[in-house]
């Protein structure tokens, strides 16, 4: 995999359902567009700091698996195993579930019957059935040769980045919006108390970090890159910086086209804003771009996730089945298991619940991985570091401090999703205690 494809993988993983849905959830909680813009800048800065740290770790250990490898080498096989377990449930399966459900919700613009949320046999929503079908379509695509899956991902990434740029430019040039929306808070903004505001900030920042969660994507396929020690840091940093600019532009489009109250609680914020900006024809064009963007993100995560489980299968004998591949090189068993887990999540949660659950869990393990930079600098100063995190030690310490603050207040605002995240981690520890102790290999 070359630098272009690795960068495309980062961008494709990051730009997915989150940016096209979470602004509505943030608007409902925070009620002020300027505060929301500041949070996106904070989230982007945090992602860049994380990318710097992952770049150092990835250049040191250019193997498939990313934080699974870093945590295993730093804290031992148990923590590494829990990281891989979290990647399966919350790291990839949950975001893919949120992306495919959001994709179908946006499709309701072309198929209005979906907006009524009909059910099949009075049990399963049609939206969920279609989303599950889409998951297995992507599994089928990536069951083919690795190169064909990467080519599909590159094409979809170019399409969606170009489409997003066109939406931003079109909104600025011909959009019928109101600039005042960009700075005008909801009348209810003054009613927020201090505790409610802090909880809303923590919860909203978790949503933001969910949107940025793909900043580490290229690290998962480091072993498949032609020049990982040179290109991995470039892919992580360039991809993250590009996405930050696109996210700020899209949020400007949303608030230019609709007030904070009009966006509050809406899942399909792109449609809400584009109706007033572009009219009926423009809405259809925007919907196509947004659907393609969400599909590309789901595809990228479907491609990347099984590489983590593959690394787990190589290291732990009881899970060797995860390392089985087809002749094409695709990790077939890992893809199928990921598809099953994703399908279960689709059938059991709303989009906002899935995003908050995944965001909390990913932030927790990203923080653990970033801490590896500090620990290894102290414990293993002799290891070769082709890339060193800029601004060390400030960069990892700042990432850890903001992440800790965010998780504390997110727990206050969304206790159910946060507790489920911690239970997921605990389940990984129990599984390791029961099965994972046998056959641990693959150290540096």
Protein backbone atom coordinates (compact mmCIF):
# COMPACT_ATOMS: atom_id res chain seq x y z
CA UNK A 1 0.00 0.00 0.00
CA UNK A 2 1.38 3.39 -1.01
CA UNK A 3 1.14 6.77 0.73
CA UNK A 4 -1.85 7.79 -1.40
CA UNK A 5 -3.88 4.75 -0.41
CA UNK A 6 -2.86 5.00 3.26
CA UNK A 7 -3.91 8.66 3.37
CA UNK A 8 -7.17 7.81 1.61
CA UNK A 9 -7.78 5.13 4.22
CA UNK A 10 -7.41 7.67 7.03
CA UNK A 11 -9.75 10.15 5.32
CA UNK A 12 -12.29 7.48 4.40
CA UNK A 13 -12.38 6.11 7.96
CA UNK A 14 -12.87 9.54 9.49
CA UNK A 15 -15.45 11.04 7.15
CA UNK A 16 -18.46 8.86 7.73
CA UNK A 17 -21.81 8.92 9.42
CA UNK A 18 -20.58 11.04 12.33
CA UNK A 19 -20.08 14.36 10.58
CA UNK A 20 -23.45 13.99 8.85
CA UNK A 21 -25.39 13.25 12.05
CA UNK A 22 -23.67 14.35 15.26
CA UNK A 23 -24.03 18.12 14.81
CA UNK A 24 -27.74 17.70 15.46
CA UNK A 25 -27.04 15.92 18.75
CA UNK A 26 -24.54 18.61 19.74
CA UNK A 27 -27.04 21.36 18.86
CA UNK A 28 -29.61 19.76 21.16
CA UNK A 29 -27.15 19.61 24.07
CA UNK A 30 -25.10 22.82 23.67
CA UNK A 31 -27.54 25.18 21.87
CA UNK A 32 -24.79 27.53 20.65
CA UNK A 33 -23.09 27.27 17.21
CA UNK A 34 -19.88 29.01 18.30
CA UNK A 35 -19.40 26.56 21.17
CA UNK A 36 -19.94 23.71 18.71
CA UNK A 37 -17.33 25.13 16.31
CA UNK A 38 -14.84 25.43 19.17
CA UNK A 39 -15.45 21.79 20.08
CA UNK A 40 -14.69 20.68 16.51
CA UNK A 41 -11.40 22.60 16.64
CA UNK A 42 -10.58 21.01 20.01
CA UNK A 43 -11.43 17.57 18.65
CA UNK A 44 -9.34 18.09 15.53
CA UNK A 45 -6.39 19.30 17.59
CA UNK A 46 -6.74 16.29 19.87
CA UNK A 47 -6.81 13.98 16.84
CA UNK A 48 -3.64 15.61 15.47
CA UNK A 49 -1.90 15.12 18.82
CA UNK A 50 -3.00 11.49 18.83
CA UNK A 51 -1.79 11.06 15.25
CA UNK A 52 1.65 12.38 16.23
CA UNK A 53 1.87 9.80 19.00
CA UNK A 54 0.61 6.96 16.83
CA UNK A 55 3.09 8.00 14.15
CA UNK A 56 5.96 7.50 16.58
CA UNK A 57 4.62 4.13 17.73
CA UNK A 58 3.77 2.99 14.21
CA UNK A 59 7.20 3.86 12.85
CA UNK A 60 8.76 1.91 15.75
CA UNK A 61 6.49 -1.10 15.29
CA UNK A 62 5.32 -1.17 11.65
CA UNK A 63 3.11 -4.22 11.99
CA UNK A 64 -0.60 -4.82 11.45
CA UNK A 65 -2.75 -4.16 14.48
CA UNK A 66 -1.92 -0.58 15.62
CA UNK A 67 -2.82 -0.07 19.30
CA UNK A 68 -3.17 -3.82 19.80
CA UNK A 69 0.56 -4.12 19.04
CA UNK A 70 1.52 -1.00 21.00
CA UNK A 71 -0.41 -2.00 24.12
CA UNK A 72 0.77 -5.60 23.98
CA UNK A 73 4.41 -4.51 23.79
CA UNK A 74 4.00 -1.89 26.54
CA UNK A 75 1.55 -3.35 29.05
CA UNK A 76 1.50 -7.05 28.22
CA UNK A 77 -0.75 -9.51 26.37
CA UNK A 78 -3.85 -9.00 28.55
CA UNK A 79 -4.18 -5.30 27.73
CA UNK A 80 -3.33 -6.00 24.09
CA UNK A 81 -6.05 -8.62 23.96
CA UNK A 82 -8.63 -6.27 25.48
CA UNK A 83 -7.69 -3.68 22.87
CA UNK A 84 -8.36 -6.15 20.05
CA UNK A 85 -11.64 -7.16 21.68
CA UNK A 86 -12.70 -3.52 21.95
CA UNK A 87 -11.71 -2.97 18.31
CA UNK A 88 -14.01 -5.81 17.25
CA UNK A 89 -17.04 -4.61 19.21
CA UNK A 90 -16.72 -0.83 19.56
CA UNK A 91 -13.79 0.15 17.37
CA UNK A 92 -15.09 -1.05 14.03
CA UNK A 93 -18.35 -2.96 14.29
CA UNK A 94 -20.19 -0.17 16.14
CA UNK A 95 -19.06 2.63 13.76
CA UNK A 96 -19.93 0.46 10.75
CA UNK A 97 -23.36 -0.12 12.30
CA UNK A 98 -23.88 3.62 12.83
CA UNK A 99 -22.71 4.36 9.29
CA UNK A 100 -24.98 1.84 7.57
CA UNK A 101 -28.03 2.89 9.63
CA UNK A 102 -27.34 6.55 8.82
CA UNK A 103 -26.95 5.65 5.14
CA UNK A 104 -30.42 4.14 5.08
CA UNK A 105 -31.90 7.11 7.00
CA UNK A 106 -30.54 9.46 4.34
CA UNK A 107 -31.91 7.16 1.63
CA UNK A 108 -35.38 7.96 2.99
CA UNK A 109 -35.16 11.17 0.93
CA UNK A 110 -35.47 9.02 -2.21
CA UNK A 111 -37.65 6.32 -0.63
CA UNK A 112 -40.09 8.13 1.70
CA UNK A 113 -41.60 4.93 3.08
CA UNK A 114 -38.37 4.44 5.05
CA UNK A 115 -39.06 7.63 6.99
CA UNK A 116 -42.12 5.94 8.50
CA UNK A 117 -39.83 3.25 9.98
CA UNK A 118 -41.96 0.27 8.86
CA UNK A 119 -41.21 -3.17 10.28
CA UNK A 120 -40.88 -6.65 8.88
CA UNK A 121 -43.41 -8.87 10.58
CA UNK A 122 -43.88 -6.22 13.26
CA UNK A 123 -40.46 -7.01 14.73
CA UNK A 124 -37.43 -5.70 12.84
CA UNK A 125 -37.38 -2.23 11.26
CA UNK A 126 -36.92 -2.19 7.50
CA UNK A 127 -34.12 0.37 8.02
CA UNK A 128 -32.25 -2.20 10.09
CA UNK A 129 -32.81 -4.99 7.55
CA UNK A 130 -31.40 -2.85 4.74
CA UNK A 131 -28.47 -1.76 6.91
CA UNK A 132 -27.62 -5.37 7.72
CA UNK A 133 -27.79 -6.26 4.02
CA UNK A 134 -25.39 -3.41 3.25
CA UNK A 135 -22.95 -4.72 5.87
CA UNK A 136 -22.80 -8.09 4.15
CA UNK A 137 -22.43 -6.49 0.73
CA UNK A 138 -19.29 -4.75 1.99
CA UNK A 139 -18.02 -7.97 3.54
CA UNK A 140 -18.41 -9.60 0.12
CA UNK A 141 -16.46 -6.82 -1.59
CA UNK A 142 -13.55 -7.09 0.82
CA UNK A 143 -13.53 -10.90 0.65
CA UNK A 144 -11.91 -10.39 -2.73
CA UNK A 145 -8.25 -9.48 -3.22
CA UNK A 146 -6.80 -6.88 -0.88
CA UNK A 147 -5.78 -4.70 -3.82
CA UNK A 148 -9.31 -4.60 -5.26
CA UNK A 149 -10.70 -3.58 -1.87
CA UNK A 150 -8.11 -0.83 -1.58
CA UNK A 151 -8.88 0.40 -5.10
CA UNK A 152 -12.59 0.60 -4.27
CA UNK A 153 -11.74 2.55 -1.13
CA UNK A 154 -9.49 4.99 -3.04
CA UNK A 155 -12.21 5.66 -5.61
CA UNK A 156 -14.90 6.26 -3.00
CA UNK A 157 -12.63 8.56 -1.01
CA UNK A 158 -11.85 10.77 -4.01
CA UNK A 159 -15.56 10.92 -4.84
CA UNK A 160 -16.67 11.94 -1.38
CA UNK A 161 -13.92 14.49 -0.71
CA UNK A 162 -14.64 16.11 -4.06
CA UNK A 163 -18.35 16.07 -3.32
CA UNK A 164 -17.91 17.64 0.12
CA UNK A 165 -15.71 20.39 -1.29
CA UNK A 166 -18.36 21.10 -3.95
CA UNK A 167 -21.09 21.30 -1.28
CA UNK A 168 -19.04 23.81 0.73
CA UNK A 169 -18.25 25.92 -2.34
CA UNK A 170 -21.85 25.76 -3.59
CA UNK A 171 -23.20 26.86 -0.19
CA UNK A 172 -20.85 29.85 -0.21
CA UNK A 173 -21.60 30.79 -3.82
CA UNK A 174 -25.32 30.11 -4.37
CA UNK A 175 -26.71 28.93 -1.03
CA UNK A 176 -29.74 30.80 0.32
CA UNK A 177 -28.69 30.77 3.96
CA UNK A 178 -28.43 33.19 6.86
CA UNK A 179 -24.98 34.17 8.16
CA UNK A 180 -26.54 35.10 11.51
CA UNK A 181 -27.19 31.40 12.17
CA UNK A 182 -23.44 30.88 12.51
CA UNK A 183 -23.27 32.95 15.70
CA UNK A 184 -26.81 33.02 17.11
CA UNK A 185 -27.49 30.73 20.09
CA UNK A 186 -30.82 29.18 20.99
CA UNK A 187 -32.94 31.30 23.39
CA UNK A 188 -32.72 28.34 25.80
CA UNK A 189 -28.90 28.55 25.91
CA UNK A 190 -29.03 30.77 28.99
CA UNK A 191 -31.00 28.12 30.88
CA UNK A 192 -28.06 25.70 31.01
CA UNK A 193 -26.51 25.40 34.46
CA UNK A 194 -22.80 24.85 35.10
CA UNK A 195 -23.06 21.10 35.67
CA UNK A 196 -25.40 20.63 32.71
CA UNK A 197 -23.04 22.64 30.52
CA UNK A 198 -19.97 20.60 31.50
CA UNK A 199 -21.83 17.32 30.96
CA UNK A 200 -23.06 18.59 27.58
CA UNK A 201 -19.52 19.60 26.62
CA UNK A 202 -18.15 16.18 27.58
CA UNK A 203 -20.90 14.32 25.76
CA UNK A 204 -20.62 16.51 22.67
CA UNK A 205 -16.85 16.17 22.57
CA UNK A 206 -17.27 12.39 22.64
CA UNK A 207 -19.45 12.75 19.53
CA UNK A 208 -16.72 14.90 17.94
CA UNK A 209 -14.02 12.36 18.77
CA UNK A 210 -16.21 9.62 17.33
CA UNK A 211 -16.13 11.58 14.06
CA UNK A 212 -12.35 11.88 14.24
CA UNK A 213 -11.82 8.29 15.37
CA UNK A 214 -10.36 7.17 12.03
CA UNK A 215 -7.22 9.31 12.47
CA UNK A 216 -5.30 6.14 13.38
CA UNK A 217 -6.58 4.05 10.46
CA UNK A 218 -3.33 3.77 8.50
CA UNK A 219 -1.58 2.36 11.55
CA UNK A 220 -3.74 -0.76 11.31
CA UNK A 221 -2.33 -1.69 7.90
CA UNK A 222 1.30 -0.65 8.54
CA UNK A 223 2.54 -4.13 7.58
CA UNK A 224 0.92 -3.76 4.14
CA UNK A 225 2.57 -0.39 3.39
CA UNK A 226 5.60 -0.28 1.07
CA UNK A 227 7.51 2.22 3.24
CA UNK A 228 5.73 2.32 6.62
CA UNK A 229 8.40 4.13 8.61
CA UNK A 230 8.41 7.01 6.13
CA UNK A 231 4.81 7.07 4.90
CA UNK A 232 2.81 6.15 8.00
CA UNK A 233 3.43 9.47 9.85
CA UNK A 234 2.67 11.41 6.66
CA UNK A 235 -0.58 9.54 6.05
CA UNK A 236 -1.79 10.02 9.63
CA UNK A 237 -1.00 13.73 9.82
CA UNK A 238 -2.03 14.77 6.31
CA UNK A 239 -5.26 12.77 6.48
CA UNK A 240 -6.22 14.18 9.90
CA UNK A 241 -5.47 17.80 8.93
CA UNK A 242 -7.47 17.46 5.71
CA UNK A 243 -10.48 16.08 7.54
CA UNK A 244 -10.40 18.83 10.18
CA UNK A 245 -10.71 21.48 7.45
CA UNK A 246 -13.55 19.60 5.75
CA UNK A 247 -15.41 19.17 9.07
CA UNK A 248 -15.24 22.87 9.85
CA UNK A 249 -16.49 23.63 6.35
CA UNK A 250 -19.42 21.23 6.63
CA UNK A 251 -20.46 22.60 10.01
CA UNK A 252 -20.40 26.10 8.53
CA UNK A 253 -22.74 24.82 5.79
CA UNK A 254 -25.11 23.31 8.36
CA UNK A 255 -25.43 26.47 10.42
CA UNK A 256 -25.56 28.70 7.36
CA UNK A 257 -28.56 26.72 6.16
CA UNK A 258 -30.41 26.21 9.47
CA UNK A 259 -30.53 27.64 12.97
CA UNK A 260 -29.28 25.73 15.99
CA UNK A 261 -32.88 25.03 17.05
CA UNK A 262 -33.76 23.68 13.59
CA UNK A 263 -30.79 21.29 13.71
CA UNK A 264 -31.27 20.22 17.34
CA UNK A 265 -31.93 16.49 17.65
CA UNK A 266 -31.93 15.88 13.89
CA UNK A 267 -30.05 12.87 12.53
CA UNK A 268 -29.98 13.93 8.87
CA UNK A 269 -28.56 17.45 9.47
CA UNK A 270 -27.23 17.59 5.90
CA UNK A 271 -30.75 17.39 4.49
CA UNK A 272 -32.18 19.89 6.98
CA UNK A 273 -29.61 22.50 5.97
CA UNK A 274 -29.58 21.79 2.22
CA UNK A 275 -33.36 22.16 1.86
CA UNK A 276 -33.12 25.88 2.57
CA UNK A 277 -29.74 26.32 0.86
CA UNK A 278 -30.34 24.62 -2.46
CA UNK A 279 -34.01 23.69 -2.86
CA UNK A 280 -35.41 20.26 -3.89
CA UNK A 281 -32.96 19.53 -6.72
CA UNK A 282 -29.97 20.54 -4.64
CA UNK A 283 -31.14 18.36 -1.76
CA UNK A 284 -31.07 15.29 -4.00
CA UNK A 285 -27.54 16.04 -5.16
CA UNK A 286 -26.33 16.63 -1.61
CA UNK A 287 -27.97 13.40 -0.46
CA UNK A 288 -26.09 11.41 -3.10
CA UNK A 289 -22.78 12.85 -1.93
CA UNK A 290 -23.56 12.23 1.72
CA UNK A 291 -24.68 8.65 1.07
CA UNK A 292 -21.51 7.97 -0.92
CA UNK A 293 -19.41 9.45 1.88
CA UNK A 294 -21.05 7.29 4.52
CA UNK A 295 -20.71 4.19 2.35
CA UNK A 296 -17.01 4.91 1.78
CA UNK A 297 -16.44 5.18 5.52
CA UNK A 298 -18.21 1.89 6.19
CA UNK A 299 -16.15 0.28 3.43
CA UNK A 300 -12.86 1.59 4.85
CA UNK A 301 -13.68 0.31 8.34
CA UNK A 302 -14.71 -3.05 6.91
CA UNK A 303 -11.30 -3.22 5.25
CA UNK A 304 -9.24 -2.13 8.27
CA UNK A 305 -10.92 -3.84 11.24
CA UNK A 306 -10.13 -7.48 10.38
CA UNK A 307 -6.39 -6.62 10.29
CA UNK A 308 -6.55 -6.16 14.07
CA UNK A 309 -8.33 -9.47 14.63
CA UNK A 310 -5.84 -11.11 12.24
CA UNK A 311 -2.96 -9.90 14.44
CA UNK A 312 -4.80 -11.24 17.50
CA UNK A 313 -5.19 -14.66 15.85
CA UNK A 314 -1.47 -14.77 15.05
CA UNK A 315 -0.56 -14.12 18.69
CA UNK A 316 -3.11 -16.19 20.64
CA UNK A 317 -3.53 -19.88 19.83
CA UNK A 318 -7.21 -20.12 20.95
CA UNK A 319 -8.07 -17.43 18.38
CA UNK A 320 -5.91 -18.70 15.53
CA UNK A 321 -9.03 -19.06 13.37
CA UNK A 322 -9.09 -15.24 13.07
CA UNK A 323 -5.82 -15.37 11.13
CA UNK A 324 -7.20 -17.60 8.39
CA UNK A 325 -7.08 -15.94 4.98
CA UNK A 326 -8.30 -16.70 1.50
CA UNK A 327 -5.89 -17.16 -1.39
CA UNK A 328 -6.45 -13.49 -2.17
CA UNK A 329 -4.97 -12.55 1.21
CA UNK A 330 -8.25 -11.28 2.68
CA UNK A 331 -8.81 -12.30 6.35
CA UNK A 332 -12.05 -14.13 5.62
CA UNK A 333 -12.99 -15.42 9.07
CA UNK A 334 -12.30 -12.06 10.71
CA UNK A 335 -14.47 -10.33 8.10
CA UNK A 336 -17.37 -12.70 8.73
CA UNK A 337 -17.18 -12.33 12.52
CA UNK A 338 -17.05 -8.56 12.19
CA UNK A 339 -20.13 -8.73 9.97
CA UNK A 340 -22.02 -10.76 12.58
CA UNK A 341 -21.15 -8.39 15.44
CA UNK A 342 -22.06 -5.37 13.32
CA UNK A 343 -25.43 -6.88 12.44
CA UNK A 344 -26.25 -7.44 16.12
CA UNK A 345 -25.39 -3.83 16.99
CA UNK A 346 -27.56 -2.51 14.16
CA UNK A 347 -30.54 -4.42 15.52
CA UNK A 348 -30.09 -3.24 19.11
CA UNK A 349 -29.29 0.49 19.14
CA UNK A 350 -30.12 3.95 17.80
CA UNK A 351 -27.52 5.94 15.86
CA UNK A 352 -26.78 8.37 18.72
CA UNK A 353 -26.50 5.52 21.25
CA UNK A 354 -24.09 3.58 19.04
CA UNK A 355 -21.94 6.66 18.42
CA UNK A 356 -21.72 7.63 22.08
CA UNK A 357 -20.91 4.05 23.12
CA UNK A 358 -18.21 3.70 20.48
CA UNK A 359 -16.79 7.18 21.07
CA UNK A 360 -16.32 6.63 24.81
CA UNK A 361 -14.68 3.23 24.34
CA UNK A 362 -12.39 4.40 21.54
CA UNK A 363 -11.29 7.44 23.52
CA UNK A 364 -10.38 5.21 26.46
CA UNK A 365 -8.16 2.90 24.42
CA UNK A 366 -6.69 5.67 22.28
CA UNK A 367 -5.60 7.27 25.57
CA UNK A 368 -3.99 4.03 26.70
CA UNK A 369 -2.16 3.77 23.37
CA UNK A 370 -0.93 7.36 23.54
CA UNK A 371 0.39 6.69 27.05
CA UNK A 372 2.63 4.05 25.46
CA UNK A 373 4.74 6.85 23.96
CA UNK A 374 5.61 8.11 27.45
CA UNK A 375 6.14 4.66 28.97
CA UNK A 376 8.37 3.43 26.14
CA UNK A 377 10.44 6.61 26.10
CA UNK A 378 11.26 5.91 29.75
CA UNK A 379 11.48 2.12 29.67
CA UNK A 380 13.02 1.55 26.22
CA UNK A 381 15.01 4.65 25.25
CA UNK A 382 17.33 2.54 23.07
CA UNK A 383 14.58 1.48 20.61
CA UNK A 384 14.91 3.06 17.19
CA UNK A 385 12.39 5.83 16.57
CA UNK A 386 12.37 6.82 12.88
CA UNK A 387 9.72 9.41 13.78
CA UNK A 388 9.44 11.23 17.11
CA UNK A 389 6.19 12.86 18.21
CA UNK A 390 6.47 16.62 17.85
CA UNK A 391 6.10 18.60 21.06
CA UNK A 392 6.89 15.66 23.37
CA UNK A 393 6.09 15.43 26.27
CA UNK A 394 3.39 18.10 25.92
CA UNK A 395 1.61 16.37 23.01
CA UNK A 396 0.82 13.06 24.77
CA UNK A 397 0.14 14.69 28.15
CA UNK A 398 -2.30 17.18 26.62
CA UNK A 399 -4.08 14.37 24.76
CA UNK A 400 -4.41 12.37 27.97
CA UNK A 401 -5.60 15.32 30.07
CA UNK A 402 -8.33 16.43 27.66
CA UNK A 403 -9.43 12.83 27.04
CA UNK A 404 -9.74 12.17 30.77
CA UNK A 405 -11.78 15.33 31.32
CA UNK A 406 -14.01 14.45 28.38
CA UNK A 407 -14.71 10.90 29.55
CA UNK A 408 -15.50 12.04 33.09
CA UNK A 409 -18.17 14.49 31.96
CA UNK A 410 -19.48 12.21 29.22
CA UNK A 411 -20.11 9.63 31.94
CA UNK A 412 -22.25 12.22 33.75
CA UNK A 413 -24.21 13.06 30.61
CA UNK A 414 -24.58 9.56 29.08
CA UNK A 415 -24.15 7.06 31.93
CA UNK A 416 -25.84 4.11 30.19
CA UNK A 417 -23.63 4.20 27.10
CA UNK A 418 -20.53 4.85 29.22
CA UNK A 419 -21.27 1.91 31.52
CA UNK A 420 -21.80 -0.34 28.50
CA UNK A 421 -18.38 0.76 27.24
CA UNK A 422 -16.73 -0.22 30.51
CA UNK A 423 -18.60 -3.52 30.57
CA UNK A 424 -17.28 -4.24 27.08
CA UNK A 425 -13.75 -3.74 28.34
CA UNK A 426 -14.45 -5.96 31.36
CA UNK A 427 -15.83 -8.67 29.07
CA UNK A 428 -12.58 -8.61 27.11
CA UNK A 429 -10.63 -9.08 30.32
CA UNK A 430 -12.78 -12.04 31.34
CA UNK A 431 -12.42 -13.69 27.92
CA UNK A 432 -8.65 -13.32 28.15
CA UNK A 433 -8.63 -14.82 31.64
CA UNK A 434 -10.61 -17.82 30.39
CA UNK A 435 -9.00 -18.44 27.00
CA UNK A 436 -6.27 -15.95 26.18
CA UNK A 437 -3.57 -17.09 28.61
CA UNK A 438 -2.83 -20.07 26.42
CA UNK A 439 -0.43 -19.36 23.62
CA UNK A 440 0.73 -15.76 23.64
CA UNK A 441 3.43 -14.97 21.11
CA UNK A 442 4.58 -12.19 18.87
CA UNK A 443 6.65 -9.88 21.02
CA UNK A 444 9.14 -7.39 19.66
